[in-house]
C-alpha atoms as a PDB file:
ATOM      1  CA  UNK A   1     183.032  54.496 214.679  1.00  0.00           C
ATOM      2  CA  UNK A   2     180.818  57.208 216.094  1.00  0.00           C
ATOM      3  CA  UNK A   3     182.500  59.956 218.023  1.00  0.00           C
ATOM      4  CA  UNK A   4     181.547  60.390 221.601  1.00  0.00           C
ATOM      5  CA  UNK A   5     178.456  62.012 223.068  1.00  0.00           C
ATOM      6  CA  UNK A   6     180.074  65.356 223.843  1.00  0.00           C
ATOM      7  CA  UNK A   7     181.378  65.639 220.308  1.00  0.00           C
ATOM      8  CA  UNK A   8     178.040  64.640 218.810  1.00  0.00           C
ATOM      9  CA  UNK A   9     176.270  67.245 220.902  1.00  0.00           C
ATOM     10  CA  UNK A  10     178.564  69.971 219.652  1.00  0.00           C
ATOM     11  CA  UNK A  11     178.177  68.765 216.073  1.00  0.00           C
ATOM     12  CA  UNK A  12     174.424  68.990 216.443  1.00  0.00           C
ATOM     13  CA  UNK A  13     174.745  72.738 216.917  1.00  0.00           C
ATOM     14  CA  UNK A  14     176.698  73.036 213.682  1.00  0.00           C
ATOM     15  CA  UNK A  15     173.977  71.044 211.935  1.00  0.00           C
ATOM     16  CA  UNK A  16     171.405  73.455 213.307  1.00  0.00           C
ATOM     17  CA  UNK A  17     173.241  76.387 211.776  1.00  0.00           C
ATOM     18  CA  UNK A  18     173.495  74.651 208.395  1.00  0.00           C
ATOM     19  CA  UNK A  19     169.723  74.385 208.257  1.00  0.00           C
ATOM     20  CA  UNK A  20     169.580  78.067 207.312  1.00  0.00           C
ATOM     21  CA  UNK A  21     170.504  77.026 203.804  1.00  0.00           C
ATOM     22  CA  UNK A  22     167.098  75.391 203.521  1.00  0.00           C
ATOM     23  CA  UNK A  23     165.100  78.442 204.597  1.00  0.00           C
ATOM     24  CA  UNK A  24     162.526  79.153 201.934  1.00  0.00           C
ATOM     25  CA  UNK A  25     163.417  81.862 199.449  1.00  0.00           C
ATOM     26  CA  UNK A  26     161.331  84.968 199.848  1.00  0.00           C
ATOM     27  CA  UNK A  27     160.365  84.246 203.453  1.00  0.00           C
ATOM     28  CA  UNK A  28     157.988  86.875 204.785  1.00  0.00           C
ATOM     29  CA  UNK A  29     159.863  89.843 206.209  1.00  0.00           C
ATOM     30  CA  UNK A  30     158.846  90.930 209.687  1.00  0.00           C
ATOM     31  CA  UNK A  31     157.785  94.558 209.420  1.00  0.00           C
ATOM     32  CA  UNK A  32     159.032  95.809 212.811  1.00  0.00           C
ATOM     33  CA  UNK A  33     162.682  94.712 212.739  1.00  0.00           C
ATOM     34  CA  UNK A  34     164.112  96.752 209.843  1.00  0.00           C
ATOM     35  CA  UNK A  35     165.918  99.137 212.185  1.00  0.00           C
ATOM     36  CA  UNK A  36     166.313  96.717 215.083  1.00  0.00           C
ATOM     37  CA  UNK A  37     169.919  96.076 216.182  1.00  0.00           C
ATOM     38  CA  UNK A  38     169.271  92.307 216.375  1.00  0.00           C
ATOM     39  CA  UNK A  39     167.541  92.059 213.000  1.00  0.00           C
ATOM     40  CA  UNK A  40     169.789  89.279 211.618  1.00  0.00           C
ATOM     41  CA  UNK A  41     169.224  87.070 214.658  1.00  0.00           C
ATOM     42  CA  UNK A  42     165.460  87.577 214.671  1.00  0.00           C
ATOM     43  CA  UNK A  43     165.157  86.976 210.923  1.00  0.00           C
ATOM     44  CA  UNK A  44     167.254  83.811 211.172  1.00  0.00           C
ATOM     45  CA  UNK A  45     165.100  82.418 213.980  1.00  0.00           C
ATOM     46  CA  UNK A  46     161.927  83.387 212.113  1.00  0.00           C
ATOM     47  CA  UNK A  47     163.136  81.783 208.858  1.00  0.00           C
ATOM     48  CA  UNK A  48     163.926  78.554 210.712  1.00  0.00           C
ATOM     49  CA  UNK A  49     160.573  78.535 212.554  1.00  0.00           C
ATOM     50  CA  UNK A  50     162.097  78.898 216.005  1.00  0.00           C
ATOM     51  CA  UNK A  51     159.917  81.975 216.627  1.00  0.00           C
ATOM     52  CA  UNK A  52     156.665  83.317 215.215  1.00  0.00           C
ATOM     53  CA  UNK A  53     155.377  86.769 214.498  1.00  0.00           C
ATOM     54  CA  UNK A  54     151.922  88.206 215.132  1.00  0.00           C
ATOM     55  CA  UNK A  55     150.272  89.834 212.112  1.00  0.00           C
ATOM     56  CA  UNK A  56     153.677  90.312 210.521  1.00  0.00           C
ATOM     57  CA  UNK A  57     155.342  91.819 213.611  1.00  0.00           C
ATOM     58  CA  UNK A  58     157.803  90.320 216.088  1.00  0.00           C
ATOM     59  CA  UNK A  59     157.706  92.901 218.909  1.00  0.00           C
ATOM     60  CA  UNK A  60     161.429  92.563 219.748  1.00  0.00           C
ATOM     61  CA  UNK A  61     161.276  95.010 222.666  1.00  0.00           C
ATOM     62  CA  UNK A  62     158.453  93.172 224.419  1.00  0.00           C
ATOM     63  CA  UNK A  63     159.382  91.147 227.522  1.00  0.00           C
ATOM     64  CA  UNK A  64     159.565  87.402 226.912  1.00  0.00           C
ATOM     65  CA  UNK A  65     157.678  85.033 229.193  1.00  0.00           C
ATOM     66  CA  UNK A  66     158.809  81.744 230.681  1.00  0.00           C
ATOM     67  CA  UNK A  67     156.650  79.762 228.280  1.00  0.00           C
ATOM     68  CA  UNK A  68     157.933  81.924 225.426  1.00  0.00           C
ATOM     69  CA  UNK A  69     161.542  80.995 226.229  1.00  0.00           C
ATOM     70  CA  UNK A  70     160.575  77.339 226.573  1.00  0.00           C
ATOM     71  CA  UNK A  71     158.919  77.433 223.160  1.00  0.00           C
ATOM     72  CA  UNK A  72     161.923  79.019 221.419  1.00  0.00           C
ATOM     73  CA  UNK A  73     164.482  76.590 222.816  1.00  0.00           C
ATOM     74  CA  UNK A  74     162.196  73.597 222.289  1.00  0.00           C
ATOM     75  CA  UNK A  75     161.839  74.606 218.640  1.00  0.00           C
ATOM     76  CA  UNK A  76     165.633  74.871 218.370  1.00  0.00           C
ATOM     77  CA  UNK A  77     166.084  71.357 219.751  1.00  0.00           C
ATOM     78  CA  UNK A  78     163.202  69.889 217.747  1.00  0.00           C
ATOM     79  CA  UNK A  79     162.000  66.294 217.354  1.00  0.00           C
ATOM     80  CA  UNK A  80     160.393  66.051 220.793  1.00  0.00           C
ATOM     81  CA  UNK A  81     157.538  63.639 221.327  1.00  0.00           C
ATOM     82  CA  UNK A  82     154.323  64.917 222.847  1.00  0.00           C
ATOM     83  CA  UNK A  83     154.546  65.084 226.609  1.00  0.00           C
ATOM     84  CA  UNK A  84     152.236  66.001 229.461  1.00  0.00           C
ATOM     85  CA  UNK A  85     153.314  68.405 232.166  1.00  0.00           C
ATOM     86  CA  UNK A  86     152.922  67.790 235.886  1.00  0.00           C
ATOM     87  CA  UNK A  87     152.681  71.521 236.623  1.00  0.00           C
ATOM     88  CA  UNK A  88     149.205  72.532 237.745  1.00  0.00           C
ATOM     89  CA  UNK A  89     149.245  75.793 235.763  1.00  0.00           C
ATOM     90  CA  UNK A  90     150.564  74.317 232.506  1.00  0.00           C
ATOM     91  CA  UNK A  91     148.202  71.449 231.693  1.00  0.00           C
ATOM     92  CA  UNK A  92     146.340  72.125 228.466  1.00  0.00           C
ATOM     93  CA  UNK A  93     148.328  75.239 227.526  1.00  0.00           C
ATOM     94  CA  UNK A  94     149.794  75.686 224.040  1.00  0.00           C
ATOM     95  CA  UNK A  95     153.252  75.575 225.622  1.00  0.00           C
ATOM     96  CA  UNK A  96     152.747  72.362 227.625  1.00  0.00           C
ATOM     97  CA  UNK A  97     154.917  70.149 225.453  1.00  0.00           C
ATOM     98  CA  UNK A  98     157.766  72.664 225.258  1.00  0.00           C
ATOM     99  CA  UNK A  99     157.754  73.261 229.012  1.00  0.00           C
ATOM    100  CA  UNK A 100     157.671  69.541 229.776  1.00  0.00           C
ATOM    101  CA  UNK A 101     160.534  68.918 227.345  1.00  0.00           C
ATOM    102  CA  UNK A 102     162.817  71.613 228.742  1.00  0.00           C
ATOM    103  CA  UNK A 103     162.172  70.641 232.360  1.00  0.00           C
ATOM    104  CA  UNK A 104     162.894  67.005 231.530  1.00  0.00           C
ATOM    105  CA  UNK A 105     166.213  68.060 229.987  1.00  0.00           C
ATOM    106  CA  UNK A 106     167.156  70.173 232.996  1.00  0.00           C
ATOM    107  CA  UNK A 107     167.177  73.406 230.996  1.00  0.00           C
ATOM    108  CA  UNK A 108     164.293  74.972 232.951  1.00  0.00           C
ATOM    109  CA  UNK A 109     162.631  74.176 236.270  1.00  0.00           C
ATOM    110  CA  UNK A 110     159.335  74.781 237.978  1.00  0.00           C
ATOM    111  CA  UNK A 111     158.646  76.070 241.490  1.00  0.00           C
ATOM    112  CA  UNK A 112     158.398  74.179 244.759  1.00  0.00           C
ATOM    113  CA  UNK A 113     154.625  74.683 244.912  1.00  0.00           C
ATOM    114  CA  UNK A 114     154.106  72.604 241.766  1.00  0.00           C
ATOM    115  CA  UNK A 115     153.652  75.527 239.395  1.00  0.00           C
ATOM    116  CA  UNK A 116     155.700  76.807 236.432  1.00  0.00           C
ATOM    117  CA  UNK A 117     154.290  80.353 236.116  1.00  0.00           C
ATOM    118  CA  UNK A 118     154.282  80.232 232.294  1.00  0.00           C
ATOM    119  CA  UNK A 119     153.145  83.843 231.807  1.00  0.00           C
ATOM    120  CA  UNK A 120     155.736  85.322 234.151  1.00  0.00           C
ATOM    121  CA  UNK A 121     158.403  87.481 232.521  1.00  0.00           C
ATOM    122  CA  UNK A 122     162.014  86.293 232.576  1.00  0.00           C
ATOM    123  CA  UNK A 123     164.731  88.470 234.099  1.00  0.00           C
ATOM    124  CA  UNK A 124     168.178  88.803 232.544  1.00  0.00           C
ATOM    125  CA  UNK A 125     169.820  86.734 235.275  1.00  0.00           C
ATOM    126  CA  UNK A 126     167.150  84.041 234.953  1.00  0.00           C
ATOM    127  CA  UNK A 127     167.648  83.911 231.210  1.00  0.00           C
ATOM    128  CA  UNK A 128     171.422  83.650 231.683  1.00  0.00           C
ATOM    129  CA  UNK A 129     170.864  80.492 233.759  1.00  0.00           C
ATOM    130  CA  UNK A 130     168.493  79.038 231.143  1.00  0.00           C
ATOM    131  CA  UNK A 131     170.954  79.752 228.304  1.00  0.00           C
ATOM    132  CA  UNK A 132     173.790  78.261 230.372  1.00  0.00           C
ATOM    133  CA  UNK A 133     171.715  75.131 231.033  1.00  0.00           C
ATOM    134  CA  UNK A 134     171.020  74.878 227.302  1.00  0.00           C
ATOM    135  CA  UNK A 135     174.762  74.975 226.621  1.00  0.00           C
ATOM    136  CA  UNK A 136     175.311  72.200 229.159  1.00  0.00           C
ATOM    137  CA  UNK A 137     172.504  70.132 227.626  1.00  0.00           C
ATOM    138  CA  UNK A 138     174.202  70.441 224.252  1.00  0.00           C
ATOM    139  CA  UNK A 139     177.542  69.419 225.750  1.00  0.00           C
ATOM    140  CA  UNK A 140     179.130  72.756 224.885  1.00  0.00           C
ATOM    141  CA  UNK A 141     181.665  74.265 227.273  1.00  0.00           C
ATOM    142  CA  UNK A 142     182.325  77.992 227.614  1.00  0.00           C
ATOM    143  CA  UNK A 143     186.016  77.622 228.463  1.00  0.00           C
ATOM    144  CA  UNK A 144     187.572  79.402 231.424  1.00  0.00           C
ATOM    145  CA  UNK A 145     185.018  81.348 233.459  1.00  0.00           C
ATOM    146  CA  UNK A 146     186.307  84.683 234.700  1.00  0.00           C
ATOM    147  CA  UNK A 147     184.804  87.153 237.156  1.00  0.00           C
ATOM    148  CA  UNK A 148     183.100  89.794 235.018  1.00  0.00           C
ATOM    149  CA  UNK A 149     183.051  92.369 237.844  1.00  0.00           C
ATOM    150  CA  UNK A 150     179.987  94.273 236.666  1.00  0.00           C
ATOM    151  CA  UNK A 151     179.259  97.534 238.465  1.00  0.00           C
ATOM    152  CA  UNK A 152     175.986  95.998 239.675  1.00  0.00           C
ATOM    153  CA  UNK A 153     177.488  92.563 240.388  1.00  0.00           C
ATOM    154  CA  UNK A 154     176.217  92.662 243.984  1.00  0.00           C
ATOM    155  CA  UNK A 155     172.678  92.632 242.547  1.00  0.00           C
ATOM    156  CA  UNK A 156     173.260  89.350 240.700  1.00  0.00           C
ATOM    157  CA  UNK A 157     171.808  86.418 242.650  1.00  0.00           C
ATOM    158  CA  UNK A 158     174.414  83.847 243.804  1.00  0.00           C
ATOM    159  CA  UNK A 159     172.590  81.087 241.909  1.00  0.00           C
ATOM    160  CA  UNK A 160     172.996  83.055 238.666  1.00  0.00           C
ATOM    161  CA  UNK A 161     176.583  84.289 239.079  1.00  0.00           C
ATOM    162  CA  UNK A 162     178.305  81.357 237.381  1.00  0.00           C
ATOM    163  CA  UNK A 163     175.958  81.481 234.393  1.00  0.00           C
ATOM    164  CA  UNK A 164     176.293  85.253 234.010  1.00  0.00           C
ATOM    165  CA  UNK A 165     180.090  85.046 234.159  1.00  0.00           C
ATOM    166  CA  UNK A 166     180.263  82.088 231.752  1.00  0.00           C
ATOM    167  CA  UNK A 167     178.048  83.700 229.113  1.00  0.00           C
ATOM    168  CA  UNK A 168     179.887  87.010 229.393  1.00  0.00           C
ATOM    169  CA  UNK A 169     183.291  85.313 229.081  1.00  0.00           C
ATOM    170  CA  UNK A 170     182.131  83.538 225.924  1.00  0.00           C
ATOM    171  CA  UNK A 171     180.640  86.742 224.488  1.00  0.00           C
ATOM    172  CA  UNK A 172     177.111  85.334 224.372  1.00  0.00           C
ATOM    173  CA  UNK A 173     175.438  87.714 226.830  1.00  0.00           C
ATOM    174  CA  UNK A 174     176.977  90.889 228.188  1.00  0.00           C
ATOM    175  CA  UNK A 175     175.935  94.072 229.902  1.00  0.00           C
ATOM    176  CA  UNK A 176     176.041  97.677 228.711  1.00  0.00           C
ATOM    177  CA  UNK A 177     178.787 100.012 229.967  1.00  0.00           C
ATOM    178  CA  UNK A 178     179.820  97.303 232.433  1.00  0.00           C
ATOM    179  CA  UNK A 179     176.308  97.118 233.911  1.00  0.00           C
ATOM    180  CA  UNK A 180     174.361  93.837 233.632  1.00  0.00           C
ATOM    181  CA  UNK A 181     170.896  94.855 234.930  1.00  0.00           C
ATOM    182  CA  UNK A 182     170.163  91.354 236.311  1.00  0.00           C
ATOM    183  CA  UNK A 183     166.648  92.146 237.555  1.00  0.00           C
ATOM    184  CA  UNK A 184     165.437  93.743 234.306  1.00  0.00           C
ATOM    185  CA  UNK A 185     163.175  91.679 232.074  1.00  0.00           C
ATOM    186  CA  UNK A 186     164.866  90.170 229.031  1.00  0.00           C
ATOM    187  CA  UNK A 187     163.122  91.103 225.788  1.00  0.00           C
ATOM    188  CA  UNK A 188     162.124  88.842 222.925  1.00  0.00           C
ATOM    189  CA  UNK A 189     164.832  90.351 220.750  1.00  0.00           C
ATOM    190  CA  UNK A 190     167.529  90.052 223.421  1.00  0.00           C
ATOM    191  CA  UNK A 191     166.676  86.417 224.115  1.00  0.00           C
ATOM    192  CA  UNK A 192     166.832  85.511 220.426  1.00  0.00           C
ATOM    193  CA  UNK A 193     170.109  87.415 219.984  1.00  0.00           C
ATOM    194  CA  UNK A 194     171.791  85.528 222.839  1.00  0.00           C
ATOM    195  CA  UNK A 195     170.668  82.157 221.490  1.00  0.00           C
ATOM    196  CA  UNK A 196     171.743  83.188 217.984  1.00  0.00           C
ATOM    197  CA  UNK A 197     175.242  84.072 219.255  1.00  0.00           C
ATOM    198  CA  UNK A 198     175.415  80.672 220.928  1.00  0.00           C
ATOM    199  CA  UNK A 199     174.618  78.936 217.637  1.00  0.00           C
ATOM    200  CA  UNK A 200     176.993  81.062 215.561  1.00  0.00           C
ATOM    201  CA  UNK A 201     179.768  81.029 218.147  1.00  0.00           C
ATOM    202  CA  UNK A 202     179.742  77.281 218.555  1.00  0.00           C
ATOM    203  CA  UNK A 203     179.833  76.877 214.789  1.00  0.00           C
ATOM    204  CA  UNK A 204     183.347  78.375 214.698  1.00  0.00           C
ATOM    205  CA  UNK A 205     184.419  76.426 217.789  1.00  0.00           C
ATOM    206  CA  UNK A 206     183.125  73.179 216.308  1.00  0.00           C
ATOM    207  CA  UNK A 207     185.047  73.687 213.077  1.00  0.00           C
ATOM    208  CA  UNK A 208     188.290  74.156 215.010  1.00  0.00           C
ATOM    209  CA  UNK A 209     187.584  71.156 217.235  1.00  0.00           C
ATOM    210  CA  UNK A 210     186.689  68.953 214.273  1.00  0.00           C
ATOM    211  CA  UNK A 211     190.004  69.827 212.664  1.00  0.00           C
ATOM    212  CA  UNK A 212     191.853  68.751 215.823  1.00  0.00           C
ATOM    213  CA  UNK A 213     189.806  65.552 216.112  1.00  0.00           C
ATOM    214  CA  UNK A 214     190.513  64.545 212.525  1.00  0.00           C
ATOM    215  CA  UNK A 215     194.229  65.075 213.006  1.00  0.00           C
ATOM    216  CA  UNK A 216     194.213  63.042 216.225  1.00  0.00           C
ATOM    217  CA  UNK A 217     192.275  60.250 214.526  1.00  0.00           C
ATOM    218  CA  UNK A 218     195.075  60.177 211.944  1.00  0.00           C
ATOM    219  CA  UNK A 219     197.627  59.702 214.740  1.00  0.00           C
ATOM    220  CA  UNK A 220     195.402  57.081 216.367  1.00  0.00           C
ATOM    221  CA  UNK A 221     195.227  55.165 213.084  1.00  0.00           C
ATOM    222  CA  UNK A 222     199.013  55.223 212.857  1.00  0.00           C
ATOM    223  CA  UNK A 223     199.318  53.686 216.331  1.00  0.00           C
ATOM    224  CA  UNK A 224     196.347  51.300 216.328  1.00  0.00           C
ATOM    225  CA  UNK A 225     195.943  50.538 212.641  1.00  0.00           C
ATOM    226  CA  UNK A 226     192.322  51.732 212.694  1.00  0.00           C
ATOM    227  CA  UNK A 227     189.904  53.793 214.751  1.00  0.00           C
ATOM    228  CA  UNK A 228     187.851  50.631 215.236  1.00  0.00           C
ATOM    229  CA  UNK A 229     190.803  48.992 216.963  1.00  0.00           C
ATOM    230  CA  UNK A 230     191.268  52.080 219.143  1.00  0.00           C
ATOM    231  CA  UNK A 231     187.623  51.816 220.275  1.00  0.00           C
ATOM    232  CA  UNK A 232     188.502  48.577 222.038  1.00  0.00           C
ATOM    233  CA  UNK A 233     191.288  50.201 224.044  1.00  0.00           C
ATOM    234  CA  UNK A 234     190.696  53.931 224.281  1.00  0.00           C
ATOM    235  CA  UNK A 235     188.389  56.920 224.628  1.00  0.00           C
ATOM    236  CA  UNK A 236     188.340  60.494 223.417  1.00  0.00           C
ATOM    237  CA  UNK A 237     186.427  63.480 224.806  1.00  0.00           C
ATOM    238  CA  UNK A 238     186.594  67.252 225.145  1.00  0.00           C
ATOM    239  CA  UNK A 239     186.993  68.912 228.523  1.00  0.00           C
ATOM    240  CA  UNK A 240     186.769  72.675 228.085  1.00  0.00           C
ATOM    241  CA  UNK A 241     189.150  73.405 225.191  1.00  0.00           C
ATOM    242  CA  UNK A 242     191.387  70.380 225.600  1.00  0.00           C
ATOM    243  CA  UNK A 243     190.911  67.048 223.825  1.00  0.00           C
ATOM    244  CA  UNK A 244     191.559  64.128 226.157  1.00  0.00           C
ATOM    245  CA  UNK A 245     192.696  60.845 224.608  1.00  0.00           C
ATOM    246  CA  UNK A 246     192.722  57.871 226.954  1.00  0.00           C
ATOM    247  CA  UNK A 247     194.244  54.442 226.449  1.00  0.00           C
ATOM    248  CA  UNK A 248     194.157  51.357 228.682  1.00  0.00           C
ATOM    249  CA  UNK A 249     197.299  49.726 227.296  1.00  0.00           C
ATOM    250  CA  UNK A 250     200.484  51.429 228.509  1.00  0.00           C
ATOM    251  CA  UNK A 251     202.506  50.643 225.355  1.00  0.00           C
ATOM    252  CA  UNK A 252     199.808  52.080 223.102  1.00  0.00           C
ATOM    253  CA  UNK A 253     199.477  55.065 225.395  1.00  0.00           C
ATOM    254  CA  UNK A 254     203.213  55.749 225.154  1.00  0.00           C
ATOM    255  CA  UNK A 255     203.100  55.495 221.360  1.00  0.00           C
ATOM    256  CA  UNK A 256     200.128  57.849 221.240  1.00  0.00           C
ATOM    257  CA  UNK A 257     201.924  60.349 223.438  1.00  0.00           C
ATOM    258  CA  UNK A 258     204.929  60.283 221.131  1.00  0.00           C
ATOM    259  CA  UNK A 259     202.872  60.510 217.938  1.00  0.00           C
ATOM    260  CA  UNK A 260     200.747  63.410 219.162  1.00  0.00           C
ATOM    261  CA  UNK A 261     203.731  65.301 220.580  1.00  0.00           C
ATOM    262  CA  UNK A 262     205.482  65.011 217.214  1.00  0.00           C
ATOM    263  CA  UNK A 263     202.429  66.087 215.203  1.00  0.00           C
ATOM    264  CA  UNK A 264     203.200  69.646 214.053  1.00  0.00           C
ATOM    265  CA  UNK A 265     199.657  70.016 212.684  1.00  0.00           C
ATOM    266  CA  UNK A 266     198.194  70.003 216.207  1.00  0.00           C
ATOM    267  CA  UNK A 267     198.059  73.300 218.156  1.00  0.00           C
ATOM    268  CA  UNK A 268     200.278  73.292 221.225  1.00  0.00           C
ATOM    269  CA  UNK A 269     198.733  72.160 224.506  1.00  0.00           C
ATOM    270  CA  UNK A 270     195.446  71.098 222.887  1.00  0.00           C
ATOM    271  CA  UNK A 271     195.591  67.303 223.278  1.00  0.00           C
ATOM    272  CA  UNK A 272     196.229  65.418 226.513  1.00  0.00           C
ATOM    273  CA  UNK A 273     196.996  61.682 226.533  1.00  0.00           C
ATOM    274  CA  UNK A 274     196.014  59.852 229.714  1.00  0.00           C
ATOM    275  CA  UNK A 275     195.366  56.450 231.237  1.00  0.00           C
ATOM    276  CA  UNK A 276     191.823  55.157 230.859  1.00  0.00           C
ATOM    277  CA  UNK A 277     190.107  52.539 232.990  1.00  0.00           C
ATOM    278  CA  UNK A 278     187.568  51.631 230.304  1.00  0.00           C
ATOM    279  CA  UNK A 279     187.447  51.765 226.518  1.00  0.00           C
ATOM    280  CA  UNK A 280     184.781  53.314 224.319  1.00  0.00           C
ATOM    281  CA  UNK A 281     183.383  49.850 223.582  1.00  0.00           C
ATOM    282  CA  UNK A 282     183.220  48.985 227.282  1.00  0.00           C
ATOM    283  CA  UNK A 283     181.388  52.204 228.130  1.00  0.00           C
ATOM    284  CA  UNK A 284     178.964  51.522 225.305  1.00  0.00           C
ATOM    285  CA  UNK A 285     178.328  47.973 226.563  1.00  0.00           C
ATOM    286  CA  UNK A 286     177.776  49.183 230.139  1.00  0.00           C
ATOM    287  CA  UNK A 287     175.278  51.819 228.979  1.00  0.00           C
ATOM    288  CA  UNK A 288     173.366  49.181 227.026  1.00  0.00           C
ATOM    289  CA  UNK A 289     173.381  46.846 230.023  1.00  0.00           C
ATOM    290  CA  UNK A 290     172.208  49.558 232.424  1.00  0.00           C
ATOM    291  CA  UNK A 291     169.316  50.570 230.213  1.00  0.00           C
ATOM    292  CA  UNK A 292     168.343  46.932 229.678  1.00  0.00           C
ATOM    293  CA  UNK A 293     168.245  46.299 233.429  1.00  0.00           C
ATOM    294  CA  UNK A 294     166.164  49.428 233.991  1.00  0.00           C
ATOM    295  CA  UNK A 295     163.622  48.582 231.297  1.00  0.00           C
ATOM    296  CA  UNK A 296     163.269  45.010 232.548  1.00  0.00           C
ATOM    297  CA  UNK A 297     161.699  46.104 235.826  1.00  0.00           C
ATOM    298  CA  UNK A 298     160.357  49.627 235.330  1.00  0.00           C
ATOM    299  CA  UNK A 299     157.131  50.686 233.522  1.00  0.00           C
ATOM    300  CA  UNK A 300     157.252  50.504 229.738  1.00  0.00           C
ATOM    301  CA  UNK A 301     156.626  54.241 229.377  1.00  0.00           C
ATOM    302  CA  UNK A 302     159.300  55.239 231.899  1.00  0.00           C
ATOM    303  CA  UNK A 303     161.833  57.671 230.489  1.00  0.00           C
ATOM    304  CA  UNK A 304     165.487  56.708 230.767  1.00  0.00           C
ATOM    305  CA  UNK A 305     168.722  57.726 229.113  1.00  0.00           C
ATOM    306  CA  UNK A 306     172.386  56.856 229.564  1.00  0.00           C
ATOM    307  CA  UNK A 307     175.577  58.810 229.053  1.00  0.00           C
ATOM    308  CA  UNK A 308     179.254  58.662 229.964  1.00  0.00           C
ATOM    309  CA  UNK A 309     181.014  60.741 232.597  1.00  0.00           C
ATOM    310  CA  UNK A 310     184.534  60.263 231.237  1.00  0.00           C
ATOM    311  CA  UNK A 311     186.082  62.536 233.819  1.00  0.00           C
ATOM    312  CA  UNK A 312     184.923  60.358 236.727  1.00  0.00           C
ATOM    313  CA  UNK A 313     184.989  57.102 234.708  1.00  0.00           C
ATOM    314  CA  UNK A 314     181.334  56.296 235.256  1.00  0.00           C
ATOM    315  CA  UNK A 315     178.197  55.834 233.212  1.00  0.00           C
ATOM    316  CA  UNK A 316     175.228  58.010 234.136  1.00  0.00           C
ATOM    317  CA  UNK A 317     171.682  56.652 234.042  1.00  0.00           C
ATOM    318  CA  UNK A 318     169.109  59.439 234.095  1.00  0.00           C
ATOM    319  CA  UNK A 319     165.486  58.577 234.810  1.00  0.00           C
ATOM    320  CA  UNK A 320     162.290  60.101 236.159  1.00  0.00           C
ATOM    321  CA  UNK A 321     161.936  57.454 238.883  1.00  0.00           C
ATOM    322  CA  UNK A 322     163.448  54.156 239.987  1.00  0.00           C
ATOM    323  CA  UNK A 323     162.407  51.372 242.358  1.00  0.00           C
ATOM    324  CA  UNK A 324     164.722  49.984 245.034  1.00  0.00           C
ATOM    325  CA  UNK A 325     164.704  46.641 243.179  1.00  0.00           C
ATOM    326  CA  UNK A 326     165.985  48.212 239.964  1.00  0.00           C
ATOM    327  CA  UNK A 327     168.612  50.190 241.818  1.00  0.00           C
ATOM    328  CA  UNK A 328     169.801  47.043 243.555  1.00  0.00           C
ATOM    329  CA  UNK A 329     169.982  45.178 240.237  1.00  0.00           C
ATOM    330  CA  UNK A 330     172.017  47.990 238.676  1.00  0.00           C
ATOM    331  CA  UNK A 331     174.420  48.126 241.606  1.00  0.00           C
ATOM    332  CA  UNK A 332     174.832  44.351 241.529  1.00  0.00           C
ATOM    333  CA  UNK A 333     175.645  44.315 237.803  1.00  0.00           C
ATOM    334  CA  UNK A 334     177.718  47.478 237.523  1.00  0.00           C
ATOM    335  CA  UNK A 335     178.760  48.375 241.053  1.00  0.00           C
ATOM    336  CA  UNK A 336     179.936  51.938 241.618  1.00  0.00           C
ATOM    337  CA  UNK A 337     180.549  52.367 237.888  1.00  0.00           C
ATOM    338  CA  UNK A 338     176.941  53.493 237.449  1.00  0.00           C
ATOM    339  CA  UNK A 339     175.652  56.817 238.741  1.00  0.00           C
ATOM    340  CA  UNK A 340     171.860  57.181 238.958  1.00  0.00           C
ATOM    341  CA  UNK A 341     170.338  60.617 238.456  1.00  0.00           C
ATOM    342  CA  UNK A 342     166.612  61.145 239.053  1.00  0.00           C
ATOM    343  CA  UNK A 343     165.060  64.223 237.479  1.00  0.00           C
END
């Protein structure tokens, strides 16, 4: 049985890291990063074709533009189909596909006047929000967010505060001497270094989480006989740094609670057993049904995706547009179990 979406998203980051093993031997060395503090990050991104150099140079201290950030993160995600942008100042640009992809995923946004401003430099607080959105897209949590209390905290925009605090708490993006400099432009080297820390940091987190998951699956097998049987009664998902295991059947839930509590191989206070309204199989069936209903009445090229909001016990259908007829059909079939998000 496949593990759930949040777990798969985190695993995808580990897979991204492992790709470094396939970087070609003798890859061209960038000539302007030998003494650069972020050399390892830049070289890794260059080797994996996330960034490019110009005539053998990377220019790490040069400010990065909005389209530059979009290009880097789009290359990290990979496998995106060609897409056209609705922004008036992006159509036909080399970065059009990357910008369209990141806006569709909610990682970046345009402006209210219908523009994206692709050549505009990105400030440190703006980049913090983009990096935070990328983490959310990947299903990676940063744990407990604490107030960083930078000396210049009053200069950080309210819309960026949560992202700045979250990235600082996780060690992905910090200030210097307790100063964040939110309005300064982020450089190409700084942007790559933050994204590199995200990839490397989540690699260690994923390994620890995978170890916990495997141990819990062992306990689940003891109670249910197989993971396949559990899929018909339960769910499993990460919320921050705690693994939630849900079960519909009270007797099975009690047995799971006992088995997990007695498992000395599990770190204390890492796994929480709870009541679940739906099973993994039921969520999967509802997602399939929702997408089928949407595609039956919407244009063939309409973009739609489905996911599970385990915390609120709903499925989430994300689409670019939806007609009242489709919405009515979804509500009739799935009631308030489906949440529709238009973006």
